[in-house]
Protein backbone atom coordinates (compact mmCIF):
# COMPACT_ATOMS: atom_id res chain seq x y z
CA MET A 1 0.00 0.00 0.00
CA LYS A 2 2.78 2.41 0.92
CA SER A 3 4.57 1.83 -2.39
CA LEU A 4 1.33 2.44 -4.32
CA ILE A 5 0.75 5.70 -2.44
CA LYS A 6 4.30 6.79 -3.23
CA SER A 7 4.18 5.76 -6.91
CA GLU A 8 0.92 7.68 -7.36
CA GLY A 9 2.43 10.81 -5.80
CA LEU A 10 0.03 10.81 -2.88
CA SER A 11 2.51 10.75 -0.01
CA GLU A 12 1.54 14.28 1.04
CA ARG A 13 -2.20 13.48 1.04
CA VAL A 14 -2.44 9.88 2.28
CA VAL A 15 -0.97 8.93 5.62
CA ILE A 16 -1.03 5.42 7.03
CA ILE A 17 -0.32 5.39 10.72
CA PRO A 18 1.14 2.31 12.37
CA PRO A 19 -1.12 0.14 14.54
CA VAL A 20 -1.84 1.53 18.00
CA SER A 21 -3.27 0.06 21.18
CA MET A 22 -7.03 0.19 21.75
CA ASN A 23 -6.51 2.92 24.35
CA ALA A 24 -4.77 5.14 21.78
CA MET A 25 -7.14 4.67 18.83
CA VAL A 26 -9.35 7.72 19.29
CA ILE A 27 -6.52 10.12 20.04
CA SER A 28 -4.55 8.77 17.07
CA ALA A 29 -7.46 9.50 14.72
CA VAL A 30 -7.93 13.12 15.85
CA GLY A 31 -7.05 15.46 13.01
CA ALA A 32 -7.62 12.96 10.21
CA ASP A 33 -9.82 14.11 7.33
CA LEU A 34 -11.62 10.78 6.92
CA GLY A 35 -11.82 7.34 8.46
CA LEU A 36 -12.64 4.16 6.57
CA ALA A 37 -14.91 1.27 7.56
CA LEU A 38 -14.37 -1.28 4.80
CA TYR A 39 -16.46 -4.44 4.96
CA LYS A 40 -17.69 -6.89 2.35
CA PRO A 41 -20.97 -8.71 3.00
CA VAL A 42 -19.30 -12.13 2.90
CA ASN A 43 -21.11 -13.39 6.03
CA GLN A 44 -23.82 -12.40 8.50
CA ASN A 45 -21.26 -10.89 10.88
CA ASN A 46 -19.97 -8.46 8.26
CA LEU A 47 -23.40 -7.78 6.81
CA TYR A 48 -24.83 -6.58 10.13
CA ALA A 49 -21.62 -5.30 11.74
CA ALA A 50 -21.56 -2.30 14.03
CA PRO A 51 -17.81 -1.69 13.83
CA ASN A 52 -16.18 -0.01 16.82
CA LYS A 53 -14.07 2.04 14.43
CA VAL A 54 -17.16 3.97 13.25
CA PHE A 55 -17.85 5.10 16.82
CA GLU A 56 -14.17 5.76 17.53
CA TYR A 57 -14.01 8.00 14.46
CA MET A 58 -17.06 9.85 15.77
CA MET A 59 -15.39 10.37 19.16
CA ALA A 60 -12.33 11.72 17.35
CA GLY A 61 -14.43 14.09 15.23
CA VAL A 62 -13.55 12.24 12.02
CA PRO A 63 -16.21 11.62 9.34
CA CYS A 64 -16.27 8.08 8.00
CA VAL A 65 -16.59 6.51 4.57
CA GLY A 66 -18.02 3.04 4.95
CA SER A 67 -19.34 0.07 3.05
CA ASP A 68 -23.03 0.36 2.26
CA LEU A 69 -24.22 -2.29 4.72
CA PRO A 70 -27.37 -1.95 6.86
CA TYR A 71 -26.01 -0.78 10.21
CA ILE A 72 -23.05 1.18 8.82
CA ARG A 73 -25.46 3.03 6.51
CA GLU A 74 -27.90 3.65 9.36
CA ILE A 75 -25.28 5.24 11.60
CA LEU A 76 -23.35 7.22 9.00
CA CYS A 77 -26.33 8.54 7.06
CA SER A 78 -28.92 9.05 9.80
CA CYS A 79 -26.39 10.87 11.99
CA GLY A 80 -24.87 12.76 9.06
CA VAL A 81 -21.34 11.71 10.03
CA GLY A 82 -20.24 10.03 6.82
CA GLU A 83 -21.07 8.53 3.45
CA VAL A 84 -21.33 5.00 2.09
CA PHE A 85 -20.11 3.26 -1.07
CA ARG A 86 -20.93 -0.04 -2.76
CA PRO A 87 -18.98 -2.78 -0.94
CA GLY A 88 -16.05 -4.08 -2.96
CA ASP A 89 -16.33 -1.27 -5.54
CA SER A 90 -13.05 0.65 -5.31
CA GLN A 91 -14.14 3.20 -7.94
CA ASP A 92 -17.28 4.03 -5.98
CA MET A 93 -15.21 4.30 -2.80
CA ALA A 94 -12.77 6.65 -4.55
CA ARG A 95 -15.69 8.74 -5.87
CA VAL A 96 -17.18 9.15 -2.37
CA ILE A 97 -13.80 10.00 -0.83
CA CYS A 98 -13.01 12.56 -3.54
CA GLU A 99 -16.45 14.18 -3.26
CA LEU A 100 -16.01 14.64 0.47
CA LEU A 101 -12.44 15.91 0.21
CA ASP A 102 -13.49 18.31 -2.56
CA THR A 103 -16.21 19.85 -0.36
CA PRO A 104 -14.39 21.02 2.78
CA GLU A 105 -17.46 22.87 4.07
CA LYS A 106 -19.47 19.60 4.05
CA LEU A 107 -16.58 17.81 5.74
CA GLU A 108 -16.44 20.46 8.48
CA VAL A 109 -20.16 20.11 9.16
CA MET A 110 -19.70 16.32 9.40
CA LYS A 111 -16.78 16.74 11.80
CA LYS A 112 -18.93 18.83 14.13
CA ARG A 113 -21.79 16.33 13.87
CA CYS A 114 -19.39 13.52 14.79
CA LEU A 115 -18.55 15.18 18.08
CA ASP A 116 -22.20 16.08 18.73
CA GLN A 117 -23.48 12.57 17.97
CA ALA A 118 -20.68 10.61 19.69
CA SER A 119 -22.24 11.06 23.13
CA GLN A 120 -25.31 9.01 22.20
CA PHE A 121 -23.14 5.99 21.32
CA CYS A 122 -20.71 6.07 24.26
CA TRP A 123 -20.67 3.52 27.09
CA GLU A 124 -22.50 5.85 29.46
CA ALA A 125 -25.48 6.00 27.08
CA GLU A 126 -25.39 2.45 25.72
CA GLY A 127 -24.41 0.90 29.05
CA ALA A 128 -27.49 2.35 30.71
CA LYS A 129 -29.67 0.55 28.13
CA LEU A 130 -27.84 -2.73 28.71
CA LEU A 131 -28.10 -2.46 32.48
CA LYS A 132 -31.82 -1.69 32.20
CA ALA A 133 -32.31 -4.80 30.07
CA TYR A 134 -30.41 -6.93 32.61
CA ASP A 135 -32.45 -5.43 35.40
CA GLN A 136 -35.69 -6.31 33.60
CA ILE A 137 -34.51 -9.87 33.00
CA PHE A 138 -33.12 -10.67 36.43
CA ASN A 139 -35.37 -8.63 38.71
CA ASP A 140 -38.70 -9.61 37.17
CA SER A 141 -40.46 -12.01 39.52
CA SER A 142 -42.31 -13.73 36.69
CA LYS A 143 -40.63 -16.27 34.47
CA THR A 144 -39.22 -14.94 31.23
CA HIS A 145 -38.72 -17.04 28.12
CA THR A 146 -35.81 -16.01 25.95
CA GLN A 147 -35.36 -17.20 22.38
CA VAL A 148 -31.80 -18.49 21.89
CA GLY A 149 -32.05 -20.26 18.57
CA LYS A 150 -34.58 -21.10 15.88
CA ASN A 151 -36.34 -23.80 17.90
CA GLU A 152 -34.82 -23.37 21.36
CA SER A 153 -35.73 -21.24 24.35
CA ILE A 154 -34.62 -21.02 27.95
CA THR A 155 -36.60 -20.07 31.02
CA LEU A 156 -35.09 -17.56 33.39
CA ASN A 157 -36.31 -17.46 36.98
């Protein structure tokens, strides 16, 4: 990848940072123009993924270009924090990236939205929902049936 960037004369515009620890991801992304969430719908996991990187980019104030998959599209488009492209279509990805980089005013609006929207996807917000669900499951005095598979269920007391 680095040799391709160099041969295309893009070294001043494209920067690949080395891997960082999970604790350093958000701070390492601060200041980037765009983040990428590249997934192909090769299995159910990828098709319905909610990649952490999308939320980390939001916390860093970095708009994201992502594969047009259900949840990635929902987050990026409904929150106005990024754009999607056809998965596996490098020309469509390049088109979306170029359109965003060629409209700095749109990119700036997205950067502000990222920071505004990030608080609704942080642990404090999402964790409260999870804890409420646990509380409903484990503190309900009546028996609750939970579907675990197509034809299986368990009873929680």
